[in-house]
Amino acid sequence: MIQNLRLILIIMGGMAIIVLLLHGFWTSRKEQSAVFHDPSVTKKKYQDGSDSETQLSDKTNIDKPDFDNDVPFECTYTKYDSFNYDVLIPPDEPLLAYETQQESHASCSAQQTQTTQAPHRERETVLVLNIAAYNGTVIGGEDLWQSLLQAGFQFGDMKIFHRHLSPTGGGPVLFSLANMIKPGWFNTENMTTFTTPGISMFMIVPSYGDAHQNFKLMLQSAQQIADDCGGVVLDDKRNMLTPQKLDVYKARIYNILEINNGT
């Protein structure tokens, strides 16, 4: 009888220990779940991220240069909300508009290098100018469309605008213009409601005719479009365009032409 009672007590004690262990494990899991799903933690992270975005968007405040413009162009500014746009194309990332052309030129250069066994030298370069809207505003599609037509641009291949040798669209392309934000192209059917924080102009050197004159024409077009649409001309890194940077562009043109002329 005593042995049976002892066995019963041992079994009951073991069950009590198991119950205590299960209760402790369940309590621990419940506390961890509460920590990971604390709304205040999520809210704090979201607020921190919003503050970071605000600081980033307000980091650059560029004054508009005083370009000469005989015929003023009316432009309506629209408040720019960065969260309504895709991520801007990074300055170092090749524009979608000329990726295909670059790949074709690079393939040709690679074949020539393998044939001659000469040291690799770049035989082309891409010069980029950006036109950015004033901080907190956007470039309106209707204003941009009118300015591009006045500057002699034609909508064409790759759904972007091109400046041909002739302003009417005849002859080879001298330089092109793409949307600064991805995917880079335009939809002419919604230009009246279209807005963008900026656009990018680019030309490939060597090009048809005088590359120096073509770049000068591209710079003049960029200045005119910036005046028409309420923006500022920036360099390929989206910094303020300076005389020193213009000298860099000219040197790049000169070096590429030297290489292609075999000097």
C-alpha atoms as a PDB file:
ATOM      1  CA  MET A   1       0.000   0.000   0.000  1.00  0.00           C
ATOM      2  CA  ILE A   2       2.793   2.403   0.931  1.00  0.00           C
ATOM      3  CA  GLN A   3       4.681   1.552  -2.246  1.00  0.00           C
ATOM      4  CA  ASN A   4       1.582   2.297  -4.369  1.00  0.00           C
ATOM      5  CA  LEU A   5       1.121   5.644  -2.623  1.00  0.00           C
ATOM      6  CA  ARG A   6       4.797   6.497  -3.212  1.00  0.00           C
ATOM      7  CA  LEU A   7       4.433   5.654  -6.907  1.00  0.00           C
ATOM      8  CA  ILE A   8       1.346   7.863  -7.207  1.00  0.00           C
ATOM      9  CA  LEU A   9       3.163  10.785  -5.536  1.00  0.00           C
ATOM     10  CA  ILE A  10       6.137  10.385  -7.857  1.00  0.00           C
ATOM     11  CA  ILE A  11       3.867  10.435 -10.929  1.00  0.00           C
ATOM     12  CA  MET A  12       1.954  13.498  -9.689  1.00  0.00           C
ATOM     13  CA  GLY A  13       5.211  15.310  -8.927  1.00  0.00           C
ATOM     14  CA  GLY A  14       6.526  14.598 -12.412  1.00  0.00           C
ATOM     15  CA  MET A  15       3.326  15.898 -13.987  1.00  0.00           C
ATOM     16  CA  ALA A  16       3.512  19.078 -11.899  1.00  0.00           C
ATOM     17  CA  ILE A  17       7.074  19.699 -13.076  1.00  0.00           C
ATOM     18  CA  ILE A  18       6.045  19.225 -16.724  1.00  0.00           C
ATOM     19  CA  VAL A  19       3.127  21.653 -16.305  1.00  0.00           C
ATOM     20  CA  LEU A  20       5.430  24.290 -14.773  1.00  0.00           C
ATOM     21  CA  LEU A  21       7.938  23.902 -17.612  1.00  0.00           C
ATOM     22  CA  LEU A  22       5.230  24.238 -20.280  1.00  0.00           C
ATOM     23  CA  HIS A  23       3.782  27.305 -18.562  1.00  0.00           C
ATOM     24  CA  GLY A  24       7.192  28.975 -18.399  1.00  0.00           C
ATOM     25  CA  PHE A  25       7.924  28.239 -22.056  1.00  0.00           C
ATOM     26  CA  TRP A  26       4.532  29.609 -23.155  1.00  0.00           C
ATOM     27  CA  THR A  27       4.990  32.794 -21.084  1.00  0.00           C
ATOM     28  CA  SER A  28       8.444  33.396 -22.601  1.00  0.00           C
ATOM     29  CA  ARG A  29       7.139  32.975 -26.167  1.00  0.00           C
ATOM     30  CA  LYS A  30       4.274  35.388 -25.467  1.00  0.00           C
ATOM     31  CA  GLU A  31       6.660  38.104 -24.207  1.00  0.00           C
ATOM     32  CA  GLN A  32       8.924  37.746 -27.253  1.00  0.00           C
ATOM     33  CA  SER A  33       5.939  37.988 -29.606  1.00  0.00           C
ATOM     34  CA  ALA A  34       4.789  41.174 -27.887  1.00  0.00           C
ATOM     35  CA  VAL A  35       8.215  42.747 -28.328  1.00  0.00           C
ATOM     36  CA  PHE A  36       8.496  41.882 -32.035  1.00  0.00           C
ATOM     37  CA  HIS A  37       5.006  43.163 -32.794  1.00  0.00           C
ATOM     38  CA  ASP A  38       5.109  46.297 -30.674  1.00  0.00           C
ATOM     39  CA  PRO A  39       3.398  48.977 -32.779  1.00  0.00           C
ATOM     40  CA  SER A  40       5.482  51.698 -31.147  1.00  0.00           C
ATOM     41  CA  VAL A  41       8.684  50.069 -32.444  1.00  0.00           C
ATOM     42  CA  THR A  42       7.347  49.913 -36.017  1.00  0.00           C
ATOM     43  CA  LYS A  43       6.057  53.446 -35.806  1.00  0.00           C
ATOM     44  CA  LYS A  44       9.442  54.700 -34.587  1.00  0.00           C
ATOM     45  CA  LYS A  45      11.276  52.997 -37.471  1.00  0.00           C
ATOM     46  CA  TYR A  46       8.860  54.474 -39.967  1.00  0.00           C
ATOM     47  CA  GLN A  47       9.287  57.958 -38.511  1.00  0.00           C
ATOM     48  CA  ASP A  48      13.076  57.616 -38.598  1.00  0.00           C
ATOM     49  CA  GLY A  49      12.913  56.591 -42.266  1.00  0.00           C
ATOM     50  CA  SER A  50      10.644  59.526 -43.100  1.00  0.00           C
ATOM     51  CA  ASP A  51      13.014  61.958 -41.405  1.00  0.00           C
ATOM     52  CA  SER A  52      15.907  60.537 -43.396  1.00  0.00           C
ATOM     53  CA  GLU A  53      14.016  60.954 -46.653  1.00  0.00           C
ATOM     54  CA  THR A  54      13.131  64.534 -45.737  1.00  0.00           C
ATOM     55  CA  GLN A  55      16.750  65.381 -44.976  1.00  0.00           C
ATOM     56  CA  LEU A  56      17.859  63.825 -48.269  1.00  0.00           C
ATOM     57  CA  SER A  57      15.327  65.680 -50.386  1.00  0.00           C
ATOM     58  CA  ASP A  58      16.170  68.990 -48.702  1.00  0.00           C
ATOM     59  CA  LYS A  59      19.928  68.476 -48.859  1.00  0.00           C
ATOM     60  CA  THR A  60      20.476  70.271 -52.171  1.00  0.00           C
ATOM     61  CA  ASN A  61      19.176  73.758 -52.733  1.00  0.00           C
ATOM     62  CA  ILE A  62      20.500  75.105 -56.031  1.00  0.00           C
ATOM     63  CA  ASP A  63      20.051  78.674 -57.170  1.00  0.00           C
ATOM     64  CA  LYS A  64      19.130  79.265 -60.806  1.00  0.00           C
ATOM     65  CA  PRO A  65      21.883  80.774 -62.950  1.00  0.00           C
ATOM     66  CA  ASP A  66      21.146  84.044 -64.729  1.00  0.00           C
ATOM     67  CA  PHE A  67      20.890  82.932 -68.361  1.00  0.00           C
ATOM     68  CA  ASP A  68      19.942  85.457 -71.039  1.00  0.00           C
ATOM     69  CA  ASN A  69      16.494  84.891 -72.459  1.00  0.00           C
ATOM     70  CA  ASP A  70      14.996  87.427 -74.842  1.00  0.00           C
ATOM     71  CA  VAL A  71      11.552  85.798 -74.968  1.00  0.00           C
ATOM     72  CA  PRO A  72      10.202  84.925 -71.495  1.00  0.00           C
ATOM     73  CA  PHE A  73       8.295  81.675 -71.284  1.00  0.00           C
ATOM     74  CA  GLU A  74       5.377  81.254 -68.916  1.00  0.00           C
ATOM     75  CA  CYS A  75       5.641  78.192 -66.697  1.00  0.00           C
ATOM     76  CA  THR A  76       3.381  76.912 -63.944  1.00  0.00           C
ATOM     77  CA  TYR A  77       5.160  75.337 -60.982  1.00  0.00           C
ATOM     78  CA  THR A  78       3.710  72.251 -59.352  1.00  0.00           C
ATOM     79  CA  LYS A  79       4.546  71.006 -55.877  1.00  0.00           C
ATOM     80  CA  TYR A  80       6.850  67.993 -56.087  1.00  0.00           C
ATOM     81  CA  ASP A  81       6.207  64.962 -53.903  1.00  0.00           C
ATOM     82  CA  SER A  82       9.195  62.608 -54.147  1.00  0.00           C
ATOM     83  CA  PHE A  83       7.154  59.622 -52.991  1.00  0.00           C
ATOM     84  CA  ASN A  84       5.075  59.748 -56.206  1.00  0.00           C
ATOM     85  CA  TYR A  85       8.123  58.932 -58.356  1.00  0.00           C
ATOM     86  CA  ASP A  86      10.362  55.949 -58.834  1.00  0.00           C
ATOM     87  CA  VAL A  87      13.945  56.139 -57.708  1.00  0.00           C
ATOM     88  CA  LEU A  88      15.959  58.532 -59.834  1.00  0.00           C
ATOM     89  CA  ILE A  89      18.491  57.064 -62.201  1.00  0.00           C
ATOM     90  CA  PRO A  90      21.840  57.198 -60.407  1.00  0.00           C
ATOM     91  CA  PRO A  91      24.333  59.571 -62.055  1.00  0.00           C
ATOM     92  CA  ASP A  92      26.839  56.752 -62.626  1.00  0.00           C
ATOM     93  CA  GLU A  93      24.277  54.371 -64.158  1.00  0.00           C
ATOM     94  CA  PRO A  94      24.098  54.460 -67.991  1.00  0.00           C
ATOM     95  CA  LEU A  95      20.857  55.969 -69.226  1.00  0.00           C
ATOM     96  CA  LEU A  96      18.429  53.492 -70.681  1.00  0.00           C
ATOM     97  CA  ALA A  97      18.186  55.662 -73.772  1.00  0.00           C
ATOM     98  CA  TYR A  98      21.721  55.038 -74.974  1.00  0.00           C
ATOM     99  CA  GLU A  99      22.475  51.617 -73.447  1.00  0.00           C
ATOM    100  CA  THR A 100      21.816  49.850 -76.745  1.00  0.00           C
ATOM    101  CA  GLN A 101      24.018  52.246 -78.683  1.00  0.00           C
ATOM    102  CA  GLN A 102      26.865  51.867 -76.200  1.00  0.00           C
ATOM    103  CA  GLU A 103      26.717  48.076 -76.345  1.00  0.00           C
ATOM    104  CA  SER A 104      26.946  48.195 -80.142  1.00  0.00           C
ATOM    105  CA  HIS A 105      29.927  50.566 -80.097  1.00  0.00           C
ATOM    106  CA  ALA A 106      31.635  48.556 -77.342  1.00  0.00           C
ATOM    107  CA  SER A 107      31.286  45.335 -79.365  1.00  0.00           C
ATOM    108  CA  CYS A 108      32.847  46.989 -82.410  1.00  0.00           C
ATOM    109  CA  SER A 109      35.712  48.391 -80.327  1.00  0.00           C
ATOM    110  CA  ALA A 110      36.374  44.983 -78.775  1.00  0.00           C
ATOM    111  CA  GLN A 111      36.674  43.356 -82.216  1.00  0.00           C
ATOM    112  CA  GLN A 112      39.115  46.017 -83.389  1.00  0.00           C
ATOM    113  CA  THR A 113      41.227  45.606 -80.257  1.00  0.00           C
ATOM    114  CA  GLN A 114      41.448  41.842 -80.694  1.00  0.00           C
ATOM    115  CA  THR A 115      42.493  42.281 -84.337  1.00  0.00           C
ATOM    116  CA  THR A 116      45.280  44.810 -83.757  1.00  0.00           C
ATOM    117  CA  GLN A 117      46.364  43.548 -80.310  1.00  0.00           C
ATOM    118  CA  ALA A 118      46.820  47.201 -79.334  1.00  0.00           C
ATOM    119  CA  PRO A 119      46.428  48.467 -75.750  1.00  0.00           C
ATOM    120  CA  HIS A 120      42.795  49.160 -74.866  1.00  0.00           C
ATOM    121  CA  ARG A 121      41.800  52.814 -75.269  1.00  0.00           C
ATOM    122  CA  GLU A 122      38.276  54.174 -75.058  1.00  0.00           C
ATOM    123  CA  ARG A 123      37.131  55.220 -78.531  1.00  0.00           C
ATOM    124  CA  GLU A 124      33.935  56.979 -77.472  1.00  0.00           C
ATOM    125  CA  THR A 125      32.449  58.905 -74.585  1.00  0.00           C
ATOM    126  CA  VAL A 126      28.979  60.047 -73.580  1.00  0.00           C
ATOM    127  CA  LEU A 127      28.501  63.644 -72.450  1.00  0.00           C
ATOM    128  CA  VAL A 128      25.511  64.197 -70.153  1.00  0.00           C
ATOM    129  CA  LEU A 129      23.776  67.379 -69.019  1.00  0.00           C
ATOM    130  CA  ASN A 130      20.874  67.284 -66.570  1.00  0.00           C
ATOM    131  CA  ILE A 131      18.044  69.770 -66.178  1.00  0.00           C
ATOM    132  CA  ALA A 132      16.505  69.613 -62.699  1.00  0.00           C
ATOM    133  CA  ALA A 133      13.429  71.432 -61.447  1.00  0.00           C
ATOM    134  CA  TYR A 134      13.821  73.846 -58.575  1.00  0.00           C
ATOM    135  CA  ASN A 135      13.811  72.201 -55.154  1.00  0.00           C
ATOM    136  CA  GLY A 136      10.221  71.323 -54.267  1.00  0.00           C
ATOM    137  CA  THR A 137       8.823  71.712 -57.805  1.00  0.00           C
ATOM    138  CA  VAL A 138       8.524  69.655 -60.976  1.00  0.00           C
ATOM    139  CA  ILE A 139       8.788  70.237 -64.703  1.00  0.00           C
ATOM    140  CA  GLY A 140       5.360  70.147 -66.331  1.00  0.00           C
ATOM    141  CA  GLY A 141       4.878  68.029 -69.429  1.00  0.00           C
ATOM    142  CA  GLU A 142       3.022  70.668 -71.438  1.00  0.00           C
ATOM    143  CA  ASP A 143       5.690  73.322 -70.801  1.00  0.00           C
ATOM    144  CA  LEU A 144       8.413  70.813 -71.604  1.00  0.00           C
ATOM    145  CA  TRP A 145       6.702  69.773 -74.840  1.00  0.00           C
ATOM    146  CA  GLN A 146       6.455  73.366 -76.087  1.00  0.00           C
ATOM    147  CA  SER A 147      10.062  74.098 -75.142  1.00  0.00           C
ATOM    148  CA  LEU A 148      11.345  70.979 -76.910  1.00  0.00           C
ATOM    149  CA  LEU A 149       9.499  71.868 -80.103  1.00  0.00           C
ATOM    150  CA  GLN A 150      11.001  75.357 -80.027  1.00  0.00           C
ATOM    151  CA  ALA A 151      14.467  73.846 -79.518  1.00  0.00           C
ATOM    152  CA  GLY A 152      14.066  71.607 -82.589  1.00  0.00           C
ATOM    153  CA  PHE A 153      13.625  68.257 -80.812  1.00  0.00           C
ATOM    154  CA  GLN A 154      11.627  65.457 -82.423  1.00  0.00           C
ATOM    155  CA  PHE A 155      10.010  62.516 -80.624  1.00  0.00           C
ATOM    156  CA  GLY A 156      11.367  59.258 -82.033  1.00  0.00           C
ATOM    157  CA  ASP A 157      13.350  56.083 -81.384  1.00  0.00           C
ATOM    158  CA  MET A 158      13.318  54.572 -77.880  1.00  0.00           C
ATOM    159  CA  LYS A 159      10.357  56.871 -77.029  1.00  0.00           C
ATOM    160  CA  ILE A 160      12.633  59.808 -76.269  1.00  0.00           C
ATOM    161  CA  PHE A 161      13.371  63.130 -77.974  1.00  0.00           C
ATOM    162  CA  HIS A 162      16.210  63.670 -80.451  1.00  0.00           C
ATOM    163  CA  ARG A 163      17.852  66.763 -81.910  1.00  0.00           C
ATOM    164  CA  HIS A 164      18.736  66.042 -85.525  1.00  0.00           C
ATOM    165  CA  LEU A 165      21.061  67.950 -87.812  1.00  0.00           C
ATOM    166  CA  SER A 166      17.986  69.728 -89.169  1.00  0.00           C
ATOM    167  CA  PRO A 167      15.495  71.164 -86.632  1.00  0.00           C
ATOM    168  CA  THR A 168      12.722  69.690 -88.779  1.00  0.00           C
ATOM    169  CA  GLY A 169      13.948  66.165 -88.019  1.00  0.00           C
ATOM    170  CA  GLY A 170      16.159  65.505 -91.021  1.00  0.00           C
ATOM    171  CA  GLY A 171      19.702  64.170 -90.942  1.00  0.00           C
ATOM    172  CA  PRO A 172      21.605  62.252 -88.262  1.00  0.00           C
ATOM    173  CA  VAL A 173      20.950  62.626 -84.532  1.00  0.00           C
ATOM    174  CA  LEU A 174      23.291  65.074 -82.790  1.00  0.00           C
ATOM    175  CA  PHE A 175      22.072  64.530 -79.211  1.00  0.00           C
ATOM    176  CA  SER A 176      19.024  63.203 -77.366  1.00  0.00           C
ATOM    177  CA  LEU A 177      16.859  63.883 -74.312  1.00  0.00           C
ATOM    178  CA  ALA A 178      15.394  61.348 -71.870  1.00  0.00           C
ATOM    179  CA  ASN A 179      13.363  61.434 -68.680  1.00  0.00           C
ATOM    180  CA  MET A 180      15.586  61.536 -65.609  1.00  0.00           C
ATOM    181  CA  ILE A 181      13.485  58.952 -63.769  1.00  0.00           C
ATOM    182  CA  LYS A 182      13.047  55.330 -64.764  1.00  0.00           C
ATOM    183  CA  PRO A 183      12.277  53.954 -67.277  1.00  0.00           C
ATOM    184  CA  GLY A 184      13.574  57.064 -69.029  1.00  0.00           C
ATOM    185  CA  TRP A 185      11.092  57.369 -71.896  1.00  0.00           C
ATOM    186  CA  PHE A 186       8.062  59.592 -72.489  1.00  0.00           C
ATOM    187  CA  ASN A 187       4.426  58.943 -73.334  1.00  0.00           C
ATOM    188  CA  THR A 188       3.321  61.730 -75.654  1.00  0.00           C
ATOM    189  CA  GLU A 189      -0.346  60.872 -75.092  1.00  0.00           C
ATOM    190  CA  ASN A 190      -0.267  62.142 -71.499  1.00  0.00           C
ATOM    191  CA  MET A 191       2.180  65.041 -71.796  1.00  0.00           C
ATOM    192  CA  THR A 192      -0.451  67.508 -70.566  1.00  0.00           C
ATOM    193  CA  THR A 193      -0.618  65.741 -67.187  1.00  0.00           C
ATOM    194  CA  PHE A 194       2.972  64.491 -67.125  1.00  0.00           C
ATOM    195  CA  THR A 195       5.434  65.839 -64.537  1.00  0.00           C
ATOM    196  CA  THR A 196       9.045  64.992 -63.750  1.00  0.00           C
ATOM    197  CA  PRO A 197      11.704  66.281 -61.338  1.00  0.00           C
ATOM    198  CA  GLY A 198      14.214  66.443 -64.184  1.00  0.00           C
ATOM    199  CA  ILE A 199      15.417  65.389 -67.622  1.00  0.00           C
ATOM    200  CA  SER A 200      18.779  64.298 -69.044  1.00  0.00           C
ATOM    201  CA  MET A 201      20.409  65.342 -72.324  1.00  0.00           C
ATOM    202  CA  PHE A 202      23.267  63.322 -73.788  1.00  0.00           C
ATOM    203  CA  MET A 203      25.435  63.054 -76.877  1.00  0.00           C
ATOM    204  CA  ILE A 204      27.854  60.358 -77.999  1.00  0.00           C
ATOM    205  CA  VAL A 205      31.318  61.411 -79.152  1.00  0.00           C
ATOM    206  CA  PRO A 206      32.448  60.968 -81.882  1.00  0.00           C
ATOM    207  CA  SER A 207      29.312  62.232 -83.577  1.00  0.00           C
ATOM    208  CA  TYR A 208      28.295  63.573 -86.966  1.00  0.00           C
ATOM    209  CA  GLY A 209      29.989  66.834 -87.879  1.00  0.00           C
ATOM    210  CA  ASP A 210      31.879  68.988 -85.380  1.00  0.00           C
ATOM    211  CA  ALA A 211      31.565  67.446 -81.906  1.00  0.00           C
ATOM    212  CA  HIS A 212      32.561  70.720 -80.219  1.00  0.00           C
ATOM    213  CA  GLN A 213      29.811  72.635 -82.030  1.00  0.00           C
ATOM    214  CA  ASN A 214      27.296  69.872 -81.307  1.00  0.00           C
ATOM    215  CA  PHE A 215      28.078  70.057 -77.591  1.00  0.00           C
ATOM    216  CA  LYS A 216      27.777  73.849 -77.678  1.00  0.00           C
ATOM    217  CA  LEU A 217      24.334  73.481 -79.279  1.00  0.00           C
ATOM    218  CA  MET A 218      23.317  70.915 -76.632  1.00  0.00           C
ATOM    219  CA  LEU A 219      24.415  73.292 -73.861  1.00  0.00           C
ATOM    220  CA  GLN A 220      22.443  76.173 -75.381  1.00  0.00           C
ATOM    221  CA  SER A 221      19.372  73.937 -75.702  1.00  0.00           C
ATOM    222  CA  ALA A 222      19.693  72.835 -72.072  1.00  0.00           C
ATOM    223  CA  GLN A 223      19.898  76.453 -70.892  1.00  0.00           C
ATOM    224  CA  GLN A 224      16.847  77.414 -72.936  1.00  0.00           C
ATOM    225  CA  ILE A 225      14.770  74.459 -71.697  1.00  0.00           C
ATOM    226  CA  ALA A 226      15.783  75.216 -68.102  1.00  0.00           C
ATOM    227  CA  ASP A 227      14.631  78.827 -68.521  1.00  0.00           C
ATOM    228  CA  ASP A 228      11.374  77.785 -70.180  1.00  0.00           C
ATOM    229  CA  CYS A 229      10.419  75.144 -67.619  1.00  0.00           C
ATOM    230  CA  GLY A 230      11.742  76.601 -64.383  1.00  0.00           C
ATOM    231  CA  GLY A 231      14.841  74.513 -63.846  1.00  0.00           C
ATOM    232  CA  VAL A 232      18.599  74.614 -63.572  1.00  0.00           C
ATOM    233  CA  VAL A 233      21.320  73.001 -65.700  1.00  0.00           C
ATOM    234  CA  LEU A 234      23.485  70.452 -63.849  1.00  0.00           C
ATOM    235  CA  ASP A 235      26.469  68.358 -64.914  1.00  0.00           C
ATOM    236  CA  ASP A 236      26.604  64.577 -65.323  1.00  0.00           C
ATOM    237  CA  LYS A 237      26.911  64.130 -61.528  1.00  0.00           C
ATOM    238  CA  ARG A 238      23.946  66.463 -60.918  1.00  0.00           C
ATOM    239  CA  ASN A 239      26.168  69.158 -59.475  1.00  0.00           C
ATOM    240  CA  MET A 240      26.076  72.817 -60.434  1.00  0.00           C
ATOM    241  CA  LEU A 241      27.541  73.306 -63.905  1.00  0.00           C
ATOM    242  CA  THR A 242      30.725  75.382 -63.646  1.00  0.00           C
ATOM    243  CA  PRO A 243      33.239  76.755 -66.185  1.00  0.00           C
ATOM    244  CA  GLN A 244      35.743  74.212 -64.864  1.00  0.00           C
ATOM    245  CA  LYS A 245      33.321  71.367 -65.625  1.00  0.00           C
ATOM    246  CA  LEU A 246      32.791  72.717 -69.134  1.00  0.00           C
ATOM    247  CA  ASP A 247      36.554  72.548 -69.640  1.00  0.00           C
ATOM    248  CA  VAL A 248      36.416  68.884 -68.582  1.00  0.00           C
ATOM    249  CA  TYR A 249      33.744  68.199 -71.206  1.00  0.00           C
ATOM    250  CA  LYS A 250      35.837  69.932 -73.890  1.00  0.00           C
ATOM    251  CA  ALA A 251      38.918  67.924 -72.897  1.00  0.00           C
ATOM    252  CA  ARG A 252      36.977  64.667 -73.133  1.00  0.00           C
ATOM    253  CA  ILE A 253      35.826  65.576 -76.639  1.00  0.00           C
ATOM    254  CA  TYR A 254      39.358  66.489 -77.686  1.00  0.00           C
ATOM    255  CA  ASN A 255      40.859  63.258 -76.291  1.00  0.00           C
ATOM    256  CA  ILE A 256      38.294  61.004 -77.971  1.00  0.00           C
ATOM    257  CA  LEU A 257      38.735  62.740 -81.310  1.00  0.00           C
ATOM    258  CA  GLU A 258      42.508  62.349 -81.006  1.00  0.00           C
ATOM    259  CA  ILE A 259      42.169  58.614 -80.377  1.00  0.00           C
ATOM    260  CA  ASN A 260      39.821  58.104 -83.318  1.00  0.00           C
ATOM    261  CA  ASN A 261      42.033  60.175 -85.608  1.00  0.00           C
ATOM    262  CA  GLY A 262      44.989  57.980 -84.695  1.00  0.00           C
ATOM    263  CA  THR A 263      47.101  60.760 -83.224  1.00  0.00           C
END
